[in-house]
Amino acid sequence: MIDEIERVALRAARAAGKVHLQRLRRINVMRKAANPINLVTEADHEAEAAVIAILQRAFPSHAILAEESGASFHGSEHRWIIDPLDGTTNFAHGYPQFCVSIAYERRGRVQVGVIFDALKKECFVARRGKGARLNGHTIRVSGTDTLGASLLGTGFPYDRRERRRFYLAFWEAFMMRVQGVRRTGSAALDLAYVACGRVEGFWEFGLRPWDVAAGALIVEEAGGRVTNMDESALDLEGGRIVASNSHVHRAMLDTIAENWQDAERRQFEIEPLSESVAPKA
């Protein structure tokens, strides 16, 4: 059955990718709720519908957790976790960094992960215990073993305007320890890039299961490590992910721990008034 699971996942990912490419030149952007930076497009909805239709035809009794339409069939031991368009803000601006992410989970454990970047024609696939591949070729994490020689990826949650000082404290801490930090706007692709050695590690707050389920498996199957920020086993609902090539994992966790109190202190500091609004003496 697992062979069929992977085949269907790939077919669904390609269907979503086709929607991405078709919609890229005619984008209709909306906002979720009242948050001006949490966007959704028609491509999100159309890609999700295409994925779900393929999955439900093949496996009508399986549960589905999708970013836009939520959850269904809660009683099944089989569950699909779908982000139909990871990197929506990038997509809305025509910035070429977005993908579809599809994970198959059985009894609470992800077994298959697929991330497809249709624009770059890159398809990352992993099956538990069988390794990870990019366009059919085996991939491995990088061998870099120090933070000082590392390139890291990260992102900022949708509450970043309210908690910017907290998140920036970690960015600053890593910036002083590594060769570079990249913020590309697609967590799924960031994880895929850890898996194929393009970056050594990734951390981010506030991610949801559809952002990380497929990517986390791909990293692990490529020889990397994925945990919560306190080093406990990854909780897809936890929103505090650290992924790495395994060699720099401890240093990443230590950097986060060492700067946690400072980040919280910064968050609650009172900002000084700017010169334009400060009262005159």
C-alpha atoms as a PDB file:
ATOM      1  CA  MET A   1       0.000   0.000   0.000  1.00  0.00           C
ATOM      2  CA  ILE A   2       2.847   2.398   0.736  1.00  0.00           C
ATOM      3  CA  ASP A   3       3.902   2.348  -2.927  1.00  0.00           C
ATOM      4  CA  GLU A   4       0.419   3.467  -3.909  1.00  0.00           C
ATOM      5  CA  ILE A   5       0.453   6.109  -1.159  1.00  0.00           C
ATOM      6  CA  GLU A   6       3.606   7.636  -2.637  1.00  0.00           C
ATOM      7  CA  ARG A   7       2.300   7.478  -6.202  1.00  0.00           C
ATOM      8  CA  VAL A   8      -0.929   9.222  -5.252  1.00  0.00           C
ATOM      9  CA  ALA A   9       0.931  11.851  -3.213  1.00  0.00           C
ATOM     10  CA  LEU A  10       3.138  12.638  -6.202  1.00  0.00           C
ATOM     11  CA  ARG A  11       0.152  12.847  -8.509  1.00  0.00           C
ATOM     12  CA  ALA A  12      -1.600  15.219  -6.112  1.00  0.00           C
ATOM     13  CA  ALA A  13       1.515  17.362  -5.747  1.00  0.00           C
ATOM     14  CA  ARG A  14       1.864  17.709  -9.508  1.00  0.00           C
ATOM     15  CA  ALA A  15      -1.795  18.704  -9.772  1.00  0.00           C
ATOM     16  CA  ALA A  16      -1.229  21.452  -7.210  1.00  0.00           C
ATOM     17  CA  GLY A  17       1.923  22.556  -9.004  1.00  0.00           C
ATOM     18  CA  LYS A  18      -0.028  22.872 -12.236  1.00  0.00           C
ATOM     19  CA  VAL A  19      -2.455  25.216 -10.486  1.00  0.00           C
ATOM     20  CA  HIS A  20       0.448  27.286  -9.151  1.00  0.00           C
ATOM     21  CA  LEU A  21       1.877  27.813 -12.622  1.00  0.00           C
ATOM     22  CA  GLN A  22      -1.498  28.545 -14.202  1.00  0.00           C
ATOM     23  CA  ARG A  23      -2.458  31.061 -11.542  1.00  0.00           C
ATOM     24  CA  LEU A  24       0.902  32.809 -11.249  1.00  0.00           C
ATOM     25  CA  ARG A  25       0.039  35.346 -13.953  1.00  0.00           C
ATOM     26  CA  ARG A  26      -3.470  36.078 -12.665  1.00  0.00           C
ATOM     27  CA  ILE A  27      -3.367  36.319  -8.901  1.00  0.00           C
ATOM     28  CA  ASN A  28      -6.345  37.367  -6.805  1.00  0.00           C
ATOM     29  CA  VAL A  29      -5.134  38.127  -3.274  1.00  0.00           C
ATOM     30  CA  MET A  30      -7.314  38.078  -0.155  1.00  0.00           C
ATOM     31  CA  ARG A  31      -6.573  38.347   3.565  1.00  0.00           C
ATOM     32  CA  LYS A  32      -7.384  35.845   6.268  1.00  0.00           C
ATOM     33  CA  ALA A  33      -9.430  37.354   9.101  1.00  0.00           C
ATOM     34  CA  ALA A  34      -8.172  40.803  10.131  1.00  0.00           C
ATOM     35  CA  ASN A  35      -4.449  40.117   9.775  1.00  0.00           C
ATOM     36  CA  PRO A  36      -3.087  42.247   6.900  1.00  0.00           C
ATOM     37  CA  ILE A  37      -0.029  40.017   6.392  1.00  0.00           C
ATOM     38  CA  ASN A  38      -1.783  36.625   6.415  1.00  0.00           C
ATOM     39  CA  LEU A  39      -2.717  36.237   2.759  1.00  0.00           C
ATOM     40  CA  VAL A  40      -4.644  33.667   0.781  1.00  0.00           C
ATOM     41  CA  THR A  41      -5.131  33.452  -2.984  1.00  0.00           C
ATOM     42  CA  GLU A  42      -7.437  31.616  -5.335  1.00  0.00           C
ATOM     43  CA  ALA A  43      -4.460  29.401  -6.109  1.00  0.00           C
ATOM     44  CA  ASP A  44      -4.422  28.213  -2.459  1.00  0.00           C
ATOM     45  CA  HIS A  45      -8.049  27.122  -2.698  1.00  0.00           C
ATOM     46  CA  GLU A  46      -7.808  25.644  -6.187  1.00  0.00           C
ATOM     47  CA  ALA A  47      -4.617  23.732  -5.437  1.00  0.00           C
ATOM     48  CA  GLU A  48      -6.089  22.370  -2.210  1.00  0.00           C
ATOM     49  CA  ALA A  49      -9.256  21.256  -4.002  1.00  0.00           C
ATOM     50  CA  ALA A  50      -7.173  19.497  -6.660  1.00  0.00           C
ATOM     51  CA  VAL A  51      -5.090  17.673  -4.049  1.00  0.00           C
ATOM     52  CA  ILE A  52      -8.077  16.625  -1.953  1.00  0.00           C
ATOM     53  CA  ALA A  53     -10.001  15.368  -4.978  1.00  0.00           C
ATOM     54  CA  ILE A  54      -7.124  13.064  -5.949  1.00  0.00           C
ATOM     55  CA  LEU A  55      -6.617  11.797  -2.394  1.00  0.00           C
ATOM     56  CA  GLN A  56     -10.300  11.163  -1.775  1.00  0.00           C
ATOM     57  CA  ARG A  57     -10.725   9.250  -5.028  1.00  0.00           C
ATOM     58  CA  ALA A  58      -7.832   6.978  -4.100  1.00  0.00           C
ATOM     59  CA  PHE A  59      -8.446   6.722  -0.337  1.00  0.00           C
ATOM     60  CA  PRO A  60     -12.003   7.795   0.508  1.00  0.00           C
ATOM     61  CA  SER A  61     -11.800   6.698   4.161  1.00  0.00           C
ATOM     62  CA  HIS A  62      -8.594   8.615   4.992  1.00  0.00           C
ATOM     63  CA  ALA A  63      -8.656  11.718   7.174  1.00  0.00           C
ATOM     64  CA  ILE A  64      -7.425  15.015   5.793  1.00  0.00           C
ATOM     65  CA  LEU A  65      -5.941  18.052   7.525  1.00  0.00           C
ATOM     66  CA  ALA A  66      -5.543  20.913   5.066  1.00  0.00           C
ATOM     67  CA  GLU A  67      -4.582  24.530   5.673  1.00  0.00           C
ATOM     68  CA  GLU A  68      -7.576  26.145   4.035  1.00  0.00           C
ATOM     69  CA  SER A  69     -10.409  23.668   4.632  1.00  0.00           C
ATOM     70  CA  GLY A  70      -9.428  22.205   7.991  1.00  0.00           C
ATOM     71  CA  ALA A  71      -9.892  18.597   9.101  1.00  0.00           C
ATOM     72  CA  SER A  72     -12.183  15.738   8.110  1.00  0.00           C
ATOM     73  CA  PHE A  73     -12.757  12.057   9.048  1.00  0.00           C
ATOM     74  CA  HIS A  74     -11.261  12.363  12.521  1.00  0.00           C
ATOM     75  CA  GLY A  75     -11.621   8.649  13.331  1.00  0.00           C
ATOM     76  CA  SER A  76      -9.272   7.260  10.678  1.00  0.00           C
ATOM     77  CA  GLU A  77      -5.782   5.987  11.526  1.00  0.00           C
ATOM     78  CA  HIS A  78      -4.682   7.335   8.136  1.00  0.00           C
ATOM     79  CA  ARG A  79      -4.298  11.089   7.713  1.00  0.00           C
ATOM     80  CA  TRP A  80      -3.070  13.391   4.968  1.00  0.00           C
ATOM     81  CA  ILE A  81      -1.575  16.753   5.980  1.00  0.00           C
ATOM     82  CA  ILE A  82      -1.643  19.314   3.175  1.00  0.00           C
ATOM     83  CA  ASP A  83      -0.292  22.775   2.553  1.00  0.00           C
ATOM     84  CA  PRO A  84      -1.556  23.508  -0.962  1.00  0.00           C
ATOM     85  CA  LEU A  85       0.631  26.594  -1.389  1.00  0.00           C
ATOM     86  CA  ASP A  86       3.427  27.148   1.103  1.00  0.00           C
ATOM     87  CA  GLY A  87       4.847  30.617   0.516  1.00  0.00           C
ATOM     88  CA  THR A  88       1.593  32.364  -0.353  1.00  0.00           C
ATOM     89  CA  THR A  89       3.009  35.854   0.216  1.00  0.00           C
ATOM     90  CA  ASN A  90       5.874  35.048  -2.136  1.00  0.00           C
ATOM     91  CA  PHE A  91       3.395  33.735  -4.687  1.00  0.00           C
ATOM     92  CA  ALA A  92       1.205  36.828  -4.381  1.00  0.00           C
ATOM     93  CA  HIS A  93       4.194  39.009  -5.245  1.00  0.00           C
ATOM     94  CA  GLY A  94       5.548  36.757  -7.975  1.00  0.00           C
ATOM     95  CA  TYR A  95       8.581  35.919  -5.868  1.00  0.00           C
ATOM     96  CA  PRO A  96       9.814  32.477  -7.010  1.00  0.00           C
ATOM     97  CA  GLN A  97       9.843  30.588  -3.705  1.00  0.00           C
ATOM     98  CA  PHE A  98       6.702  28.542  -3.085  1.00  0.00           C
ATOM     99  CA  CYS A  99       5.596  24.922  -3.200  1.00  0.00           C
ATOM    100  CA  VAL A 100       3.008  22.329  -2.262  1.00  0.00           C
ATOM    101  CA  SER A 101       3.634  20.116   0.774  1.00  0.00           C
ATOM    102  CA  ILE A 102       1.856  16.780   1.289  1.00  0.00           C
ATOM    103  CA  ALA A 103       2.436  14.300   4.111  1.00  0.00           C
ATOM    104  CA  TYR A 104       0.842  10.932   4.780  1.00  0.00           C
ATOM    105  CA  GLU A 105       0.556   9.973   8.442  1.00  0.00           C
ATOM    106  CA  ARG A 106      -0.477   6.625   9.929  1.00  0.00           C
ATOM    107  CA  ARG A 107      -1.311   6.268  13.614  1.00  0.00           C
ATOM    108  CA  GLY A 108       0.234   9.633  14.368  1.00  0.00           C
ATOM    109  CA  ARG A 109       3.532   9.038  12.568  1.00  0.00           C
ATOM    110  CA  VAL A 110       4.380  10.545   9.191  1.00  0.00           C
ATOM    111  CA  GLN A 111       5.323   7.842   6.688  1.00  0.00           C
ATOM    112  CA  VAL A 112       5.571   9.704   3.365  1.00  0.00           C
ATOM    113  CA  GLY A 113       6.448  13.308   2.570  1.00  0.00           C
ATOM    114  CA  VAL A 114       6.372  15.165  -0.746  1.00  0.00           C
ATOM    115  CA  ILE A 115       7.376  18.781  -1.418  1.00  0.00           C
ATOM    116  CA  PHE A 116       7.042  20.003  -4.997  1.00  0.00           C
ATOM    117  CA  ASP A 117       8.370  23.306  -6.313  1.00  0.00           C
ATOM    118  CA  ALA A 118       6.739  23.460  -9.737  1.00  0.00           C
ATOM    119  CA  LEU A 119       8.513  26.633 -10.808  1.00  0.00           C
ATOM    120  CA  LYS A 120      11.975  25.141 -10.278  1.00  0.00           C
ATOM    121  CA  LYS A 121      10.814  21.628 -11.212  1.00  0.00           C
ATOM    122  CA  GLU A 122      12.160  20.198  -7.953  1.00  0.00           C
ATOM    123  CA  CYS A 123      10.352  17.347  -6.240  1.00  0.00           C
ATOM    124  CA  PHE A 124      11.553  16.221  -2.801  1.00  0.00           C
ATOM    125  CA  VAL A 125      10.258  12.847  -1.610  1.00  0.00           C
ATOM    126  CA  ALA A 126      10.848  10.732   1.480  1.00  0.00           C
ATOM    127  CA  ARG A 127       9.480   7.448   2.757  1.00  0.00           C
ATOM    128  CA  ARG A 128      10.149   6.436   6.338  1.00  0.00           C
ATOM    129  CA  GLY A 129      13.112   4.092   6.480  1.00  0.00           C
ATOM    130  CA  LYS A 130      13.807   4.435   2.752  1.00  0.00           C
ATOM    131  CA  GLY A 131      15.754   7.698   2.507  1.00  0.00           C
ATOM    132  CA  ALA A 132      15.040  10.976   0.753  1.00  0.00           C
ATOM    133  CA  ARG A 133      15.241  11.929  -2.916  1.00  0.00           C
ATOM    134  CA  LEU A 134      15.275  15.023  -5.099  1.00  0.00           C
ATOM    135  CA  ASN A 135      13.967  14.342  -8.608  1.00  0.00           C
ATOM    136  CA  GLY A 136      14.711  10.672  -8.071  1.00  0.00           C
ATOM    137  CA  HIS A 137      18.267  11.092  -6.799  1.00  0.00           C
ATOM    138  CA  THR A 138      19.246  10.330  -3.196  1.00  0.00           C
ATOM    139  CA  ILE A 139      19.978  13.403  -1.093  1.00  0.00           C
ATOM    140  CA  ARG A 140      21.900  13.876   2.150  1.00  0.00           C
ATOM    141  CA  VAL A 141      22.322  16.711   4.600  1.00  0.00           C
ATOM    142  CA  SER A 142      25.585  18.638   4.581  1.00  0.00           C
ATOM    143  CA  GLY A 143      28.633  17.533   6.539  1.00  0.00           C
ATOM    144  CA  THR A 144      29.347  20.976   8.019  1.00  0.00           C
ATOM    145  CA  ASP A 145      29.961  20.505  11.733  1.00  0.00           C
ATOM    146  CA  THR A 146      30.234  24.030  13.178  1.00  0.00           C
ATOM    147  CA  LEU A 147      27.815  26.947  13.390  1.00  0.00           C
ATOM    148  CA  GLY A 148      30.575  29.257  12.258  1.00  0.00           C
ATOM    149  CA  ALA A 149      30.664  27.557   8.875  1.00  0.00           C
ATOM    150  CA  SER A 150      26.878  27.203   8.579  1.00  0.00           C
ATOM    151  CA  LEU A 151      24.132  28.854   6.585  1.00  0.00           C
ATOM    152  CA  LEU A 152      20.759  28.803   8.363  1.00  0.00           C
ATOM    153  CA  GLY A 153      17.172  29.432   7.374  1.00  0.00           C
ATOM    154  CA  THR A 154      14.332  30.863   9.421  1.00  0.00           C
ATOM    155  CA  GLY A 155      11.013  32.680   9.171  1.00  0.00           C
ATOM    156  CA  PHE A 156       8.773  34.945  11.198  1.00  0.00           C
ATOM    157  CA  PRO A 157       5.215  34.099  12.327  1.00  0.00           C
ATOM    158  CA  TYR A 158       2.148  36.158  11.493  1.00  0.00           C
ATOM    159  CA  ASP A 159       2.280  37.901  14.900  1.00  0.00           C
ATOM    160  CA  ARG A 160       5.722  39.301  14.083  1.00  0.00           C
ATOM    161  CA  ARG A 161       4.568  42.909  14.257  1.00  0.00           C
ATOM    162  CA  GLU A 162       3.449  42.402  17.842  1.00  0.00           C
ATOM    163  CA  ARG A 163       6.402  40.209  18.906  1.00  0.00           C
ATOM    164  CA  ARG A 164       9.152  41.406  16.592  1.00  0.00           C
ATOM    165  CA  ARG A 165      11.669  42.025  19.364  1.00  0.00           C
ATOM    166  CA  PHE A 166      11.301  38.471  20.646  1.00  0.00           C
ATOM    167  CA  TYR A 167      11.890  36.909  17.222  1.00  0.00           C
ATOM    168  CA  LEU A 168      14.660  39.306  16.233  1.00  0.00           C
ATOM    169  CA  ALA A 169      16.631  38.437  19.361  1.00  0.00           C
ATOM    170  CA  PHE A 170      17.206  34.932  17.979  1.00  0.00           C
ATOM    171  CA  TRP A 171      17.962  36.227  14.502  1.00  0.00           C
ATOM    172  CA  GLU A 172      20.610  38.515  15.990  1.00  0.00           C
ATOM    173  CA  ALA A 173      22.089  35.735  18.120  1.00  0.00           C
ATOM    174  CA  PHE A 174      22.453  33.397  15.146  1.00  0.00           C
ATOM    175  CA  MET A 175      23.633  36.179  12.852  1.00  0.00           C
ATOM    176  CA  MET A 176      26.631  36.675  15.116  1.00  0.00           C
ATOM    177  CA  ARG A 177      27.475  32.951  15.081  1.00  0.00           C
ATOM    178  CA  VAL A 178      26.977  31.766  11.493  1.00  0.00           C
ATOM    179  CA  GLN A 179      28.016  32.622   7.960  1.00  0.00           C
ATOM    180  CA  GLY A 180      24.534  33.790   7.074  1.00  0.00           C
ATOM    181  CA  VAL A 181      20.821  33.605   7.848  1.00  0.00           C
ATOM    182  CA  ARG A 182      18.212  33.378   5.088  1.00  0.00           C
ATOM    183  CA  ARG A 183      14.518  34.178   5.353  1.00  0.00           C
ATOM    184  CA  THR A 184      12.955  32.783   2.169  1.00  0.00           C
ATOM    185  CA  GLY A 185       9.258  32.707   3.088  1.00  0.00           C
ATOM    186  CA  SER A 186       8.553  28.983   2.636  1.00  0.00           C
ATOM    187  CA  ALA A 187       9.171  26.743   5.636  1.00  0.00           C
ATOM    188  CA  ALA A 188       8.581  23.586   3.609  1.00  0.00           C
ATOM    189  CA  LEU A 189      11.302  24.527   1.132  1.00  0.00           C
ATOM    190  CA  ASP A 190      13.600  25.600   3.965  1.00  0.00           C
ATOM    191  CA  LEU A 191      13.311  22.094   5.401  1.00  0.00           C
ATOM    192  CA  ALA A 192      13.849  20.543   1.971  1.00  0.00           C
ATOM    193  CA  TYR A 193      16.988  22.657   1.625  1.00  0.00           C
ATOM    194  CA  VAL A 194      18.302  21.345   4.942  1.00  0.00           C
ATOM    195  CA  ALA A 195      17.718  17.834   3.599  1.00  0.00           C
ATOM    196  CA  CYS A 196      19.703  18.386   0.408  1.00  0.00           C
ATOM    197  CA  GLY A 197      22.542  20.310   2.072  1.00  0.00           C
ATOM    198  CA  ARG A 198      21.812  23.824   0.811  1.00  0.00           C
ATOM    199  CA  VAL A 199      21.518  25.068   4.381  1.00  0.00           C
ATOM    200  CA  GLU A 200      22.746  23.463   7.593  1.00  0.00           C
ATOM    201  CA  GLY A 201      19.808  24.275   9.818  1.00  0.00           C
ATOM    202  CA  PHE A 202      16.424  25.923  10.227  1.00  0.00           C
ATOM    203  CA  TRP A 203      14.412  27.264  13.152  1.00  0.00           C
ATOM    204  CA  GLU A 204      11.035  28.944  13.347  1.00  0.00           C
ATOM    205  CA  PHE A 205       8.211  29.704  15.759  1.00  0.00           C
ATOM    206  CA  GLY A 206       4.490  29.389  15.111  1.00  0.00           C
ATOM    207  CA  LEU A 207       4.438  26.850  12.297  1.00  0.00           C
ATOM    208  CA  ARG A 208       1.500  24.494  11.842  1.00  0.00           C
ATOM    209  CA  PRO A 209       1.435  20.773  10.972  1.00  0.00           C
ATOM    210  CA  TRP A 210       0.952  21.408   7.242  1.00  0.00           C
ATOM    211  CA  ASP A 211       4.078  23.604   7.207  1.00  0.00           C
ATOM    212  CA  VAL A 212       6.424  20.975   8.627  1.00  0.00           C
ATOM    213  CA  ALA A 213       5.002  17.431   8.405  1.00  0.00           C
ATOM    214  CA  ALA A 214       6.463  16.514   5.018  1.00  0.00           C
ATOM    215  CA  GLY A 215       9.663  18.524   5.419  1.00  0.00           C
ATOM    216  CA  ALA A 216      10.527  17.070   8.816  1.00  0.00           C
ATOM    217  CA  LEU A 217      10.412  13.518   7.449  1.00  0.00           C
ATOM    218  CA  ILE A 218      12.486  14.505   4.423  1.00  0.00           C
ATOM    219  CA  VAL A 219      15.168  16.004   6.705  1.00  0.00           C
ATOM    220  CA  GLU A 220      15.275  12.922   8.924  1.00  0.00           C
ATOM    221  CA  GLU A 221      15.447  10.527   5.985  1.00  0.00           C
ATOM    222  CA  ALA A 222      18.308  12.578   4.536  1.00  0.00           C
ATOM    223  CA  GLY A 223      20.301  12.041   7.731  1.00  0.00           C
ATOM    224  CA  GLY A 224      19.301  15.182   9.598  1.00  0.00           C
ATOM    225  CA  ARG A 225      17.629  15.803  12.916  1.00  0.00           C
ATOM    226  CA  VAL A 226      14.348  17.553  13.781  1.00  0.00           C
ATOM    227  CA  THR A 227      13.119  18.389  17.299  1.00  0.00           C
ATOM    228  CA  ASN A 228      11.252  20.954  19.316  1.00  0.00           C
ATOM    229  CA  MET A 229      13.371  23.812  20.652  1.00  0.00           C
ATOM    230  CA  ASP A 230      13.650  22.086  24.042  1.00  0.00           C
ATOM    231  CA  GLU A 231      15.079  18.991  22.278  1.00  0.00           C
ATOM    232  CA  SER A 232      11.948  16.921  22.830  1.00  0.00           C
ATOM    233  CA  ALA A 233      10.494  14.918  19.944  1.00  0.00           C
ATOM    234  CA  LEU A 234       8.945  17.130  17.295  1.00  0.00           C
ATOM    235  CA  ASP A 235       5.337  18.056  18.007  1.00  0.00           C
ATOM    236  CA  LEU A 236       3.646  19.024  14.751  1.00  0.00           C
ATOM    237  CA  GLU A 237       1.337  21.298  16.749  1.00  0.00           C
ATOM    238  CA  GLY A 238       4.105  22.709  18.937  1.00  0.00           C
ATOM    239  CA  GLY A 239       5.207  25.606  16.772  1.00  0.00           C
ATOM    240  CA  ARG A 240       8.857  25.546  17.890  1.00  0.00           C
ATOM    241  CA  ILE A 241      10.833  23.572  15.338  1.00  0.00           C
ATOM    242  CA  VAL A 242      14.577  23.163  14.947  1.00  0.00           C
ATOM    243  CA  ALA A 243      15.905  21.137  12.005  1.00  0.00           C
ATOM    244  CA  SER A 244      19.538  20.563  11.134  1.00  0.00           C
ATOM    245  CA  ASN A 245      22.122  18.368   9.484  1.00  0.00           C
ATOM    246  CA  SER A 246      22.457  16.849  12.994  1.00  0.00           C
ATOM    247  CA  HIS A 247      26.062  18.073  13.361  1.00  0.00           C
ATOM    248  CA  VAL A 248      25.052  21.618  14.408  1.00  0.00           C
ATOM    249  CA  HIS A 249      21.839  20.672  16.182  1.00  0.00           C
ATOM    250  CA  ARG A 250      23.221  20.958  19.711  1.00  0.00           C
ATOM    251  CA  ALA A 251      24.778  24.350  18.964  1.00  0.00           C
ATOM    252  CA  MET A 252      21.472  25.609  17.554  1.00  0.00           C
ATOM    253  CA  LEU A 253      19.514  24.425  20.592  1.00  0.00           C
ATOM    254  CA  ASP A 254      22.077  25.969  22.932  1.00  0.00           C
ATOM    255  CA  THR A 255      21.932  29.301  21.095  1.00  0.00           C
ATOM    256  CA  ILE A 256      18.152  29.399  21.420  1.00  0.00           C
ATOM    257  CA  ALA A 257      18.244  28.448  25.112  1.00  0.00           C
ATOM    258  CA  GLU A 258      20.970  30.954  25.938  1.00  0.00           C
ATOM    259  CA  ASN A 259      19.026  33.814  24.366  1.00  0.00           C
ATOM    260  CA  TRP A 260      15.507  32.950  25.519  1.00  0.00           C
ATOM    261  CA  GLN A 261      15.411  35.172  28.581  1.00  0.00           C
ATOM    262  CA  ASP A 262      16.918  38.087  26.671  1.00  0.00           C
ATOM    263  CA  ALA A 263      14.297  37.641  23.942  1.00  0.00           C
ATOM    264  CA  GLU A 264      11.479  37.721  26.487  1.00  0.00           C
ATOM    265  CA  ARG A 265      12.981  40.763  28.185  1.00  0.00           C
ATOM    266  CA  ARG A 266      13.220  42.618  24.883  1.00  0.00           C
ATOM    267  CA  GLN A 267       9.632  41.808  24.041  1.00  0.00           C
ATOM    268  CA  PHE A 268       8.347  43.657  27.091  1.00  0.00           C
ATOM    269  CA  GLU A 269      10.682  46.618  27.001  1.00  0.00           C
ATOM    270  CA  ILE A 270       9.017  49.982  26.494  1.00  0.00           C
ATOM    271  CA  GLU A 271      10.054  51.478  23.188  1.00  0.00           C
ATOM    272  CA  PRO A 272      11.534  54.984  23.323  1.00  0.00           C
ATOM    273  CA  LEU A 273       9.567  57.654  21.500  1.00  0.00           C
ATOM    274  CA  SER A 274      11.052  58.742  18.204  1.00  0.00           C
ATOM    275  CA  GLU A 275      12.300  62.318  17.852  1.00  0.00           C
ATOM    276  CA  SER A 276       9.289  63.217  15.720  1.00  0.00           C
ATOM    277  CA  VAL A 277       6.786  62.376  18.462  1.00  0.00           C
ATOM    278  CA  ALA A 278       8.836  62.855  21.632  1.00  0.00           C
ATOM    279  CA  PRO A 279       7.629  65.762  23.816  1.00  0.00           C
ATOM    280  CA  LYS A 280       9.874  68.796  23.874  1.00  0.00           C
ATOM    281  CA  ALA A 281      11.659  69.607  27.105  1.00  0.00           C
END
